[in-house]
Amino acid sequence: MNRIALLLLAVTAHAAETYDVVVYGATAGGVVAAIAAAKQNLKVALVEPGRHLGGMTTGGLGKTDHGRKETIGGMSLEFYQRVGREYGKDVVWYFEPHVAEKVLKQWVEEAGVRVYFGHRLRQDNGVKKRGNQLRELYTENGVGFAARIFLDATYEGDLLKQAKVSYTVGREGTAQYGESLAGVRPKDRNHQFDFAVSAYDANKQLLPEIQTAPRGEVGAADKKVQAYNFRMCLSDDAANQAPIPRPANYTPARYELWLRWVEEFRKANNRLPRINEMLIVSRLEKESKTDINNRGPFSTDYIGASWDYPEATYERRAQIWQAHIDYTAGLFHFLQTDARVAGEIQKELKRWGLCADEFVDTHHWPHQLYVREARRLVGDWVMTQKDIQTELTKADVIGMGSYNSDSHNVQRYAQPDGMVQNEGNMEVRVSPYQVPYRVLLPKKKEAANLLVPVCVSSSHVTYSTLRMEPVYMIMGQAAGLAARMAIDKNAAVQDIDTAELTKKLRAYGAVMESKETPQ
């Protein structure tokens, strides 16, 4: 039994211990933050509600959304280099989930981070706070964690909510920050129904998987979030396959829109859609395995099912999570077995099964739902569209981002003409931009010892590029070093010397400029 497992067993129902830093959430950003702090000779607890390290980095997202690779440095790059060594290469960006998790486990053990699995923040009264100082957090199993500095590294922002700091959910309108990309989006050609497909059945009833909520006016704000999905790690090696399960509540009728879209595609193109026009199939370093992602108007994104998730209770989130499993497993079962699916499409899809050597404790199903966006911090400063398009440099720079402003669809609705349409997709190129330290900071009057390296202070538009796993790790490293600096100076995290932080990050190999960004 490894040291992490022993630590889990050693915690009793009423144990409590004081740390320099407590990181809540073992996403990749949280893991790197914890390691960065521990390397600064701090006593660090990494508190994880589940059983795994790495979030999406180990949960099926094997095809890294790296953007411009030269903008990734520091500990973020080191992770991909460590993965590379597992394959006998300098660096690997497209990797198997279990390899990524092995790397993170080794790394936290090297750094001496104390990891506590199965410790979920109490749903109510989980944070003890005095003024603008967080004192302790309490988990459902009765354990208390006290610290000088806390980090919320969850995808959901559960700690920041209970810390009573300002946050938001959903999309701002165009007027709020002067963002042309904000709010409800006009129709574009990406991931939309590009052919006329009726939203209604023969009885004039709305088909499944179409929302009844109004779309909203173009540019208007709403509380809806982009679609989630599971990044499916599948194998076409028959010796390493487990069957994709048939959901107990499976009904083929919910996939009628897919059939209608395929038929209209065939009419318009005089051919059936190819697999890579229905799914993104990305081969990993072990080529028999793939990371499957959404593509096209009806695919693995469960559009509209994510809206309640950010603010939902744990019980409701579990229901939403299961609904995503049922939708996705049902989709693959439909594509592989339904007689109405064209033979050549079905033949190709039947080659694939779950990887028998991945996710062994969750029946080979990914252990992480892709929560692309949930709560977002609202600090004294909010990163907005101009910061990824025109105002690219920052005095308090901690790293860089370069991936497109990328929001998946938010909703699927019936148009006035009775045709179905998707809305919310956004794929807009950005120039490599500097990420500022300010993005991690709640308002000082609300919390002076909390850093947020995942649910950062940004608009929906800007979060859609910041939300990439390499950038979470970049921000996580900065948070870990900033924690050390705040402790050393007995200062609020808002008051550290950001020029010194930038200098320290550069010493670790962080990238602060690119050829496309002013020096």
Protein backbone atom coordinates (compact mmCIF):
# COMPACT_ATOMS: atom_id res chain seq x y z
CA MET A 1 0.00 0.00 0.00
CA ASN A 2 1.49 3.40 -0.98
CA ARG A 3 1.97 6.34 1.33
CA ILE A 4 -1.07 8.24 0.00
CA ALA A 5 -3.37 5.32 0.82
CA LEU A 6 -1.86 4.97 4.28
CA LEU A 7 -2.51 8.65 4.97
CA LEU A 8 -6.14 8.19 4.00
CA LEU A 9 -6.53 5.28 6.38
CA ALA A 10 -4.78 7.12 9.17
CA VAL A 11 -7.28 9.98 9.30
CA THR A 12 -9.90 9.43 11.98
CA ALA A 13 -13.36 10.86 12.10
CA HIS A 14 -12.35 13.68 14.44
CA ALA A 15 -8.74 14.33 13.43
CA ALA A 16 -7.67 17.92 12.80
CA GLU A 17 -4.28 19.29 11.91
CA THR A 18 -2.81 22.67 11.06
CA TYR A 19 -1.01 23.27 7.77
CA ASP A 20 0.70 26.18 6.12
CA VAL A 21 -1.38 25.64 2.99
CA VAL A 22 -4.53 23.65 2.31
CA VAL A 23 -5.44 23.04 -1.33
CA TYR A 24 -9.01 21.89 -1.86
CA GLY A 25 -9.40 19.99 -5.12
CA ALA A 26 -6.80 17.67 -6.70
CA THR A 27 -7.35 18.84 -10.26
CA ALA A 28 -4.11 19.15 -12.21
CA GLY A 29 -3.99 22.81 -11.21
CA GLY A 30 -4.51 21.87 -7.57
CA VAL A 31 -1.84 19.17 -7.66
CA VAL A 32 0.73 21.53 -9.16
CA ALA A 33 -0.21 24.25 -6.65
CA ALA A 34 0.30 21.82 -3.77
CA ILE A 35 3.64 20.63 -5.12
CA ALA A 36 4.83 24.19 -5.76
CA ALA A 37 4.00 25.17 -2.18
CA ALA A 38 5.59 22.02 -0.73
CA LYS A 39 8.79 22.69 -2.69
CA GLN A 40 8.92 25.98 -0.77
CA ASN A 41 9.24 24.00 2.47
CA LEU A 42 5.63 24.51 3.44
CA LYS A 43 3.46 21.92 5.14
CA VAL A 44 0.75 21.25 2.56
CA ALA A 45 -2.49 19.26 2.59
CA LEU A 46 -4.15 18.39 -0.70
CA VAL A 47 -7.79 17.64 0.10
CA GLU A 48 -9.73 15.79 -2.61
CA PRO A 49 -13.42 14.84 -2.53
CA GLY A 50 -12.87 11.85 -4.83
CA ARG A 51 -10.32 9.09 -5.21
CA HIS A 52 -8.04 10.39 -7.97
CA LEU A 53 -5.44 13.02 -8.72
CA GLY A 54 -5.55 15.15 -11.83
CA GLY A 55 -9.17 15.96 -12.69
CA MET A 56 -9.58 15.97 -16.46
CA THR A 57 -5.85 15.54 -17.08
CA THR A 58 -6.17 11.99 -15.77
CA GLY A 59 -9.90 11.65 -16.45
CA GLY A 60 -9.93 11.14 -20.21
CA LEU A 61 -8.61 14.40 -21.65
CA GLY A 62 -5.49 12.77 -23.07
CA LYS A 63 -5.31 15.10 -26.08
CA THR A 64 -3.95 18.19 -24.38
CA ASP A 65 -5.44 21.52 -25.39
CA HIS A 66 -2.02 23.12 -25.55
CA GLY A 67 -2.54 25.97 -28.00
CA ARG A 68 0.92 27.36 -28.79
CA LYS A 69 3.25 24.90 -27.08
CA GLU A 70 6.01 27.48 -26.71
CA THR A 71 3.80 29.43 -24.27
CA ILE A 72 3.78 26.54 -21.78
CA GLY A 73 6.62 26.51 -19.27
CA GLY A 74 7.47 26.01 -15.63
CA MET A 75 5.89 23.12 -13.78
CA SER A 76 3.16 22.83 -16.39
CA LEU A 77 5.73 21.92 -19.03
CA GLU A 78 7.53 19.75 -16.50
CA PHE A 79 4.40 17.61 -16.16
CA TYR A 80 4.33 16.89 -19.90
CA GLN A 81 8.05 16.19 -19.82
CA ARG A 82 7.57 13.74 -16.96
CA VAL A 83 4.83 12.04 -18.97
CA GLY A 84 7.23 11.94 -21.90
CA ARG A 85 9.82 10.09 -19.85
CA GLU A 86 7.26 7.36 -19.20
CA TYR A 87 7.23 6.78 -22.96
CA GLY A 88 10.98 7.24 -23.47
CA LYS A 89 10.53 10.67 -25.07
CA ASP A 90 11.39 14.26 -24.17
CA VAL A 91 7.78 15.41 -23.96
CA VAL A 92 4.37 13.89 -24.70
CA TRP A 93 1.14 15.87 -25.07
CA TYR A 94 -1.30 13.04 -25.99
CA PHE A 95 -1.14 10.40 -23.30
CA GLU A 96 -3.00 7.58 -21.58
CA PRO A 97 -4.97 8.55 -18.45
CA HIS A 98 -3.32 6.00 -16.15
CA VAL A 99 0.13 7.21 -17.18
CA ALA A 100 -0.77 10.80 -16.30
CA GLU A 101 -2.07 9.73 -12.90
CA LYS A 102 1.05 7.67 -12.22
CA VAL A 103 3.18 10.75 -12.92
CA LEU A 104 1.15 12.95 -10.57
CA LYS A 105 1.25 10.35 -7.77
CA GLN A 106 5.02 10.10 -8.01
CA TRP A 107 5.35 13.88 -8.10
CA VAL A 108 3.28 14.57 -4.98
CA GLU A 109 5.16 11.87 -3.08
CA GLU A 110 8.52 13.38 -4.09
CA ALA A 111 7.35 16.78 -2.85
CA GLY A 112 5.99 15.47 0.44
CA VAL A 113 2.44 16.67 -0.12
CA ARG A 114 -0.06 15.07 2.24
CA VAL A 115 -3.01 13.87 0.15
CA TYR A 116 -6.43 13.19 1.64
CA PHE A 117 -8.79 11.34 -0.68
CA GLY A 118 -12.51 11.00 0.02
CA HIS A 119 -12.68 14.27 1.96
CA ARG A 120 -15.54 16.35 0.57
CA LEU A 121 -16.25 19.80 1.95
CA ARG A 122 -19.31 19.85 4.17
CA GLN A 123 -22.19 21.06 2.07
CA ASP A 124 -23.19 23.64 4.70
CA ASN A 125 -21.02 25.37 7.28
CA GLY A 126 -17.90 23.85 5.78
CA VAL A 127 -15.72 26.93 6.27
CA LYS A 128 -14.82 28.74 9.48
CA LYS A 129 -13.96 32.34 8.84
CA ARG A 130 -13.04 35.36 10.95
CA GLY A 131 -13.37 38.68 9.17
CA ASN A 132 -11.61 38.29 5.83
CA GLN A 133 -9.52 35.34 7.04
CA LEU A 134 -10.42 31.70 6.38
CA ARG A 135 -9.46 29.64 9.45
CA GLU A 136 -10.57 26.06 8.83
CA LEU A 137 -12.47 23.92 6.42
CA TYR A 138 -14.46 20.88 7.49
CA THR A 139 -15.22 17.79 5.46
CA GLU A 140 -18.24 15.53 5.58
CA ASN A 141 -16.33 12.83 7.45
CA GLY A 142 -15.72 15.21 10.36
CA VAL A 143 -12.13 16.22 9.61
CA GLY A 144 -10.98 19.80 10.06
CA PHE A 145 -8.11 21.40 8.16
CA ALA A 146 -6.64 24.64 9.48
CA ALA A 147 -4.18 26.71 7.44
CA ARG A 148 -2.66 30.12 6.93
CA ILE A 149 -3.43 30.07 3.20
CA PHE A 150 -6.24 28.22 1.41
CA LEU A 151 -6.57 27.43 -2.29
CA ASP A 152 -9.77 26.49 -4.08
CA ALA A 153 -8.61 24.35 -7.02
CA THR A 154 -11.94 22.66 -7.76
CA TYR A 155 -13.72 22.97 -11.09
CA GLU A 156 -16.89 23.94 -9.21
CA GLY A 157 -15.65 26.66 -6.83
CA ASP A 158 -17.24 25.04 -3.78
CA LEU A 159 -14.73 26.46 -1.30
CA LEU A 160 -14.93 30.00 -2.64
CA LYS A 161 -18.72 29.94 -2.32
CA GLN A 162 -18.61 28.87 1.32
CA ALA A 163 -15.87 31.45 1.92
CA LYS A 164 -18.54 33.98 0.92
CA VAL A 165 -16.53 35.66 -1.81
CA SER A 166 -18.14 37.17 -4.88
CA TYR A 167 -18.66 34.90 -7.86
CA THR A 168 -20.90 34.46 -10.88
CA VAL A 169 -22.41 31.69 -12.99
CA GLY A 170 -23.35 31.88 -16.66
CA ARG A 171 -22.75 34.42 -19.38
CA GLU A 172 -22.40 38.17 -19.09
CA GLY A 173 -24.21 40.35 -21.63
CA THR A 174 -22.23 42.35 -24.17
CA ALA A 175 -22.78 45.58 -22.26
CA GLN A 176 -21.37 44.44 -18.91
CA TYR A 177 -17.69 44.48 -19.92
CA GLY A 178 -17.98 45.76 -23.49
CA GLU A 179 -17.36 42.30 -24.96
CA SER A 180 -18.52 41.68 -28.52
CA LEU A 181 -18.39 37.90 -27.95
CA ALA A 182 -20.47 37.93 -24.77
CA GLY A 183 -23.97 36.68 -24.13
CA VAL A 184 -26.23 34.68 -26.40
CA ARG A 185 -24.40 34.04 -29.67
CA PRO A 186 -25.59 34.53 -33.25
CA LYS A 187 -25.65 31.50 -35.50
CA ASP A 188 -22.30 30.37 -36.86
CA ARG A 189 -21.22 27.40 -38.94
CA ASN A 190 -19.43 25.46 -36.21
CA HIS A 191 -21.25 22.67 -34.36
CA GLN A 192 -24.62 23.94 -35.53
CA PHE A 193 -27.38 22.24 -37.48
CA ASP A 194 -26.15 23.43 -40.87
CA PHE A 195 -29.11 21.79 -42.62
CA ALA A 196 -32.81 22.32 -41.93
CA VAL A 197 -33.85 19.67 -39.40
CA SER A 198 -37.31 19.74 -37.86
CA ALA A 199 -37.49 20.03 -34.07
CA TYR A 200 -40.85 18.23 -33.92
CA ASP A 201 -42.17 14.72 -34.39
CA ALA A 202 -45.19 13.67 -36.46
CA ASN A 203 -47.50 14.63 -33.56
CA LYS A 204 -45.99 18.13 -33.40
CA GLN A 205 -44.28 17.31 -30.10
CA LEU A 206 -40.80 18.63 -29.44
CA LEU A 207 -38.18 15.93 -29.98
CA PRO A 208 -35.94 14.77 -27.10
CA GLU A 209 -32.77 16.71 -26.31
CA ILE A 210 -34.24 20.08 -27.28
CA GLN A 211 -34.69 22.66 -24.52
CA THR A 212 -37.98 24.38 -23.91
CA ALA A 213 -36.38 27.45 -22.28
CA PRO A 214 -36.29 30.56 -24.48
CA ARG A 215 -33.05 31.15 -26.34
CA GLY A 216 -32.73 34.80 -25.34
CA GLU A 217 -31.76 37.80 -27.43
CA VAL A 218 -28.37 37.89 -29.13
CA GLY A 219 -25.87 39.51 -26.76
CA ALA A 220 -28.08 39.03 -23.68
CA ALA A 221 -26.81 37.61 -20.38
CA ASP A 222 -28.09 34.37 -18.91
CA LYS A 223 -27.28 31.87 -16.17
CA LYS A 224 -26.64 28.96 -18.54
CA VAL A 225 -23.25 27.27 -18.87
CA GLN A 226 -21.62 25.50 -21.79
CA ALA A 227 -22.14 21.79 -22.31
CA TYR A 228 -20.24 19.13 -20.39
CA ASN A 229 -19.28 15.70 -21.65
CA PHE A 230 -17.11 12.71 -20.89
CA ARG A 231 -13.85 12.50 -22.81
CA MET A 232 -14.08 8.83 -23.73
CA CYS A 233 -10.87 6.82 -23.71
CA LEU A 234 -11.68 4.01 -26.15
CA SER A 235 -9.61 1.23 -27.66
CA ASP A 236 -9.77 -0.58 -30.99
CA ASP A 237 -7.55 -3.36 -29.66
CA ALA A 238 -9.91 -6.29 -29.11
CA ALA A 239 -7.57 -7.70 -26.48
CA ASN A 240 -7.90 -4.53 -24.38
CA GLN A 241 -11.61 -3.80 -24.58
CA ALA A 242 -14.57 -3.72 -22.25
CA PRO A 243 -18.06 -3.24 -23.67
CA ILE A 244 -19.70 0.16 -23.55
CA PRO A 245 -22.66 -0.44 -21.23
CA ARG A 246 -26.29 -0.19 -22.28
CA PRO A 247 -27.98 2.20 -19.83
CA ALA A 248 -30.87 0.76 -17.85
CA ASN A 249 -33.06 3.64 -19.04
CA TYR A 250 -31.90 3.44 -22.67
CA THR A 251 -34.36 4.60 -25.30
CA PRO A 252 -33.33 5.07 -28.91
CA ALA A 253 -35.90 7.84 -29.40
CA ARG A 254 -33.65 10.37 -27.68
CA TYR A 255 -31.18 10.11 -30.58
CA GLU A 256 -33.73 10.83 -33.33
CA LEU A 257 -32.12 14.22 -34.03
CA TRP A 258 -28.86 12.48 -34.89
CA LEU A 259 -30.63 10.33 -37.48
CA ARG A 260 -32.34 13.37 -38.98
CA TRP A 261 -29.10 15.31 -39.21
CA VAL A 262 -27.30 12.40 -40.90
CA GLU A 263 -30.07 12.11 -43.49
CA GLU A 264 -29.94 15.81 -44.31
CA PHE A 265 -26.14 15.63 -44.49
CA ARG A 266 -26.41 12.74 -46.94
CA LYS A 267 -28.85 14.65 -49.15
CA ALA A 268 -26.67 17.77 -49.21
CA ASN A 269 -23.32 16.02 -49.76
CA ASN A 270 -24.35 12.87 -51.61
CA ARG A 271 -22.50 10.86 -48.96
CA LEU A 272 -22.71 9.93 -45.31
CA PRO A 273 -20.73 11.92 -42.73
CA ARG A 274 -17.35 10.49 -41.89
CA ILE A 275 -16.52 9.51 -38.32
CA ASN A 276 -14.35 12.61 -37.85
CA GLU A 277 -17.36 14.75 -38.80
CA MET A 278 -19.38 13.25 -35.93
CA LEU A 279 -16.68 12.74 -33.27
CA ILE A 280 -13.18 14.05 -32.69
CA VAL A 281 -11.09 10.88 -32.60
CA SER A 282 -7.59 11.64 -31.33
CA ARG A 283 -5.04 8.85 -31.11
CA LEU A 284 -2.92 8.85 -27.97
CA GLU A 285 0.74 7.91 -27.55
CA LYS A 286 -0.43 4.30 -27.42
CA GLU A 287 -2.12 4.38 -30.79
CA SER A 288 -4.77 1.75 -30.07
CA LYS A 289 -6.33 4.23 -27.61
CA THR A 290 -8.14 7.44 -28.28
CA ASP A 291 -9.53 10.51 -26.61
CA ILE A 292 -13.05 10.98 -28.06
CA ASN A 293 -14.52 14.48 -28.00
CA ASN A 294 -17.62 16.21 -29.31
CA ARG A 295 -17.92 17.22 -32.96
CA GLY A 296 -20.91 18.25 -35.01
CA PRO A 297 -24.40 19.35 -33.99
CA PHE A 298 -25.34 16.18 -32.09
CA SER A 299 -22.48 14.35 -30.44
CA THR A 300 -21.03 13.60 -27.00
CA ASP A 301 -21.79 17.04 -25.52
CA TYR A 302 -24.98 16.77 -23.46
CA ILE A 303 -26.28 20.19 -24.37
CA GLY A 304 -28.48 21.86 -21.74
CA ALA A 305 -27.88 19.26 -19.03
CA SER A 306 -25.15 21.29 -17.31
CA TRP A 307 -27.13 24.41 -16.39
CA ASP A 308 -28.02 23.38 -12.84
CA TYR A 309 -24.69 21.78 -11.99
CA PRO A 310 -22.65 24.77 -10.69
CA GLU A 311 -25.06 25.64 -7.86
CA ALA A 312 -26.54 22.17 -7.31
CA THR A 313 -26.41 20.16 -4.10
CA TYR A 314 -24.08 17.17 -4.04
CA GLU A 315 -27.08 14.88 -4.45
CA ARG A 316 -28.32 16.79 -7.49
CA ARG A 317 -24.83 16.86 -9.00
CA ALA A 318 -24.62 13.08 -8.69
CA GLN A 319 -27.89 12.86 -10.63
CA ILE A 320 -26.57 15.19 -13.33
CA TRP A 321 -23.33 13.19 -13.50
CA GLN A 322 -25.29 9.94 -13.94
CA ALA A 323 -27.49 11.58 -16.57
CA HIS A 324 -24.36 12.40 -18.57
CA ILE A 325 -23.19 8.78 -18.26
CA ASP A 326 -26.58 7.52 -19.44
CA TYR A 327 -26.69 9.97 -22.35
CA THR A 328 -23.18 9.13 -23.54
CA ALA A 329 -23.35 5.37 -23.06
CA GLY A 330 -26.76 5.42 -24.72
CA LEU A 331 -25.40 7.35 -27.69
CA PHE A 332 -22.61 4.84 -28.29
CA HIS A 333 -25.00 1.91 -27.77
CA PHE A 334 -27.35 3.47 -30.31
CA LEU A 335 -24.59 4.05 -32.86
CA GLN A 336 -23.24 0.53 -32.45
CA THR A 337 -26.52 -1.40 -32.41
CA ASP A 338 -29.51 0.47 -33.85
CA ALA A 339 -30.61 -0.90 -37.24
CA ARG A 340 -31.32 2.62 -38.52
CA VAL A 341 -27.66 3.64 -38.27
CA ALA A 342 -26.01 3.28 -41.67
CA GLY A 343 -23.95 0.12 -41.99
CA GLU A 344 -20.62 1.76 -42.79
CA ILE A 345 -20.93 4.12 -39.81
CA GLN A 346 -21.93 1.29 -37.51
CA LYS A 347 -19.13 -0.96 -38.73
CA GLU A 348 -16.55 1.71 -37.86
CA LEU A 349 -18.01 2.41 -34.42
CA LYS A 350 -18.28 -1.27 -33.51
CA ARG A 351 -14.50 -1.45 -33.57
CA TRP A 352 -14.33 0.59 -30.38
CA GLY A 353 -14.79 -0.37 -26.74
CA LEU A 354 -13.83 0.99 -23.34
CA CYS A 355 -10.17 0.50 -22.45
CA ALA A 356 -9.92 -2.48 -20.12
CA ASP A 357 -6.73 -1.09 -18.53
CA GLU A 358 -8.12 2.39 -17.81
CA PHE A 359 -10.41 3.59 -14.99
CA VAL A 360 -10.42 0.17 -13.39
CA ASP A 361 -12.26 1.33 -10.25
CA THR A 362 -15.11 2.97 -12.22
CA HIS A 363 -15.87 0.06 -14.56
CA HIS A 364 -13.54 1.56 -17.20
CA TRP A 365 -15.66 4.71 -17.45
CA PRO A 366 -13.82 8.06 -17.01
CA HIS A 367 -13.81 9.10 -13.36
CA GLN A 368 -14.15 12.81 -14.19
CA LEU A 369 -17.03 14.63 -15.88
CA TYR A 370 -15.71 17.45 -18.04
CA VAL A 371 -16.99 20.43 -16.06
CA ARG A 372 -15.92 23.02 -18.60
CA GLU A 373 -17.26 25.93 -16.58
CA ALA A 374 -19.10 26.34 -13.29
CA ARG A 375 -18.70 29.16 -10.80
CA ARG A 376 -16.26 31.95 -11.65
CA LEU A 377 -14.68 34.25 -9.10
CA VAL A 378 -15.44 37.97 -9.28
CA GLY A 379 -12.45 39.79 -7.83
CA ASP A 380 -11.59 43.47 -7.71
CA TRP A 381 -10.34 42.91 -11.27
CA VAL A 382 -11.98 40.70 -13.88
CA MET A 383 -10.18 39.43 -16.99
CA THR A 384 -12.24 40.18 -20.10
CA GLN A 385 -12.16 39.96 -23.90
CA LYS A 386 -9.76 42.83 -24.39
CA ASP A 387 -7.18 41.00 -22.25
CA ILE A 388 -6.97 38.16 -24.78
CA GLN A 389 -7.22 40.24 -27.94
CA THR A 390 -5.72 43.72 -27.57
CA GLU A 391 -4.35 44.39 -24.07
CA LEU A 392 -2.09 41.34 -24.05
CA THR A 393 0.58 42.32 -21.52
CA LYS A 394 0.30 42.62 -17.75
CA ALA A 395 2.61 44.04 -15.10
CA ASP A 396 1.83 41.15 -12.72
CA VAL A 397 2.32 38.38 -15.29
CA ILE A 398 2.49 34.77 -14.06
CA GLY A 399 2.37 32.91 -17.38
CA MET A 400 0.66 32.75 -20.74
CA GLY A 401 -2.39 31.40 -22.51
CA SER A 402 -2.84 30.88 -26.22
CA TYR A 403 -5.76 28.53 -26.87
CA ASN A 404 -8.77 29.83 -28.81
CA SER A 405 -11.61 31.46 -26.96
CA ASP A 406 -13.51 28.18 -26.99
CA SER A 407 -17.00 27.76 -25.59
CA HIS A 408 -19.03 24.69 -26.45
CA ASN A 409 -22.72 25.02 -27.18
CA VAL A 410 -24.93 26.19 -24.34
CA GLN A 411 -28.39 25.31 -25.57
CA ARG A 412 -30.45 23.61 -28.30
CA TYR A 413 -33.78 25.16 -29.17
CA ALA A 414 -36.59 25.24 -31.74
CA GLN A 415 -36.52 28.24 -34.06
CA PRO A 416 -39.72 30.08 -35.00
CA ASP A 417 -39.71 28.21 -38.33
CA GLY A 418 -39.82 24.88 -36.46
CA MET A 419 -36.24 23.91 -37.22
CA VAL A 420 -33.75 22.93 -34.51
CA GLN A 421 -30.61 24.91 -33.78
CA ASN A 422 -27.70 24.96 -31.32
CA GLU A 423 -26.41 28.12 -29.66
CA GLY A 424 -23.38 29.14 -27.67
CA ASN A 425 -20.48 27.75 -29.65
CA MET A 426 -17.54 30.14 -29.85
CA GLU A 427 -14.21 29.39 -31.52
CA VAL A 428 -12.32 32.66 -31.86
CA ARG A 429 -8.56 32.89 -32.34
CA VAL A 430 -6.55 34.76 -29.73
CA SER A 431 -3.00 36.04 -29.76
CA PRO A 432 -0.79 34.58 -27.03
CA TYR A 433 -1.61 36.68 -23.98
CA GLN A 434 -0.17 37.16 -20.51
CA VAL A 435 -2.10 35.83 -17.53
CA PRO A 436 -1.93 38.20 -14.54
CA TYR A 437 -1.69 37.26 -10.87
CA ARG A 438 -4.83 39.35 -10.24
CA VAL A 439 -6.97 36.67 -11.88
CA LEU A 440 -6.43 34.42 -8.82
CA LEU A 441 -7.56 36.98 -6.26
CA PRO A 442 -10.89 37.47 -4.50
CA LYS A 443 -11.71 40.93 -3.23
CA LYS A 444 -9.41 41.66 -0.30
CA LYS A 445 -12.27 42.76 1.94
CA GLU A 446 -13.87 39.33 1.39
CA ALA A 447 -10.86 37.01 1.72
CA ALA A 448 -7.23 37.91 2.28
CA ASN A 449 -5.82 34.37 2.49
CA LEU A 450 -7.62 32.59 -0.37
CA LEU A 451 -6.25 31.95 -3.87
CA VAL A 452 -8.35 30.53 -6.73
CA PRO A 453 -6.26 29.04 -9.57
CA VAL A 454 -9.11 27.28 -11.43
CA CYS A 455 -12.43 29.18 -11.09
CA VAL A 456 -10.56 32.42 -11.74
CA SER A 457 -11.83 36.00 -11.95
CA SER A 458 -12.80 36.23 -15.59
CA SER A 459 -15.77 36.69 -17.86
CA HIS A 460 -17.34 33.74 -19.68
CA VAL A 461 -15.61 34.86 -22.88
CA THR A 462 -12.16 34.88 -21.30
CA TYR A 463 -12.69 31.77 -19.20
CA SER A 464 -13.26 29.89 -22.44
CA THR A 465 -9.53 30.22 -23.20
CA LEU A 466 -8.16 30.18 -19.64
CA ARG A 467 -9.95 26.89 -18.87
CA MET A 468 -7.30 24.65 -20.46
CA GLU A 469 -5.42 22.15 -18.30
CA PRO A 470 -1.90 23.51 -19.05
CA VAL A 471 -3.06 27.00 -18.03
CA TYR A 472 -4.65 25.68 -14.83
CA MET A 473 -1.25 24.20 -13.97
CA ILE A 474 0.50 27.48 -14.81
CA MET A 475 -1.87 29.34 -12.49
CA GLY A 476 -1.55 26.61 -9.88
CA GLN A 477 2.23 27.00 -9.72
CA ALA A 478 1.87 30.75 -9.29
CA ALA A 479 -0.64 30.22 -6.46
CA GLY A 480 1.74 27.84 -4.67
CA LEU A 481 4.62 30.31 -4.80
CA ALA A 482 2.38 33.24 -3.86
CA ALA A 483 1.26 31.34 -0.76
CA ARG A 484 4.88 31.11 0.42
CA MET A 485 5.40 34.82 -0.18
CA ALA A 486 2.25 35.82 1.69
CA ILE A 487 3.25 33.65 4.66
CA ASP A 488 6.78 35.04 4.73
CA LYS A 489 5.54 38.64 4.81
CA ASN A 490 2.50 37.88 6.97
CA ALA A 491 0.60 39.67 4.23
CA ALA A 492 -2.67 39.35 2.39
CA VAL A 493 -2.36 37.42 -0.85
CA GLN A 494 -3.43 40.65 -2.58
CA ASP A 495 -0.40 42.48 -1.17
CA ILE A 496 2.57 40.35 -2.20
CA ASP A 497 5.32 41.72 -4.44
CA THR A 498 4.11 40.62 -7.87
CA ALA A 499 7.38 41.60 -9.56
CA GLU A 500 9.16 39.22 -7.20
CA LEU A 501 6.58 36.51 -7.98
CA THR A 502 7.20 36.93 -11.70
CA LYS A 503 10.94 36.69 -11.06
CA LYS A 504 10.55 33.48 -9.06
CA LEU A 505 8.37 31.94 -11.75
CA ARG A 506 10.89 32.84 -14.46
CA ALA A 507 13.56 31.07 -12.41
CA TYR A 508 11.40 27.93 -12.64
CA GLY A 509 11.24 28.26 -16.42
CA ALA A 510 7.82 29.88 -16.70
CA VAL A 511 7.15 31.51 -20.07
CA MET A 512 6.09 35.15 -19.96
CA GLU A 513 6.50 36.28 -23.58
CA SER A 514 6.09 34.86 -27.06
CA LYS A 515 6.95 36.06 -30.54
CA GLU A 516 3.40 37.35 -30.92
CA THR A 517 3.24 39.16 -27.58
CA PRO A 518 4.93 42.53 -26.98
CA GLN A 519 8.01 42.15 -24.77
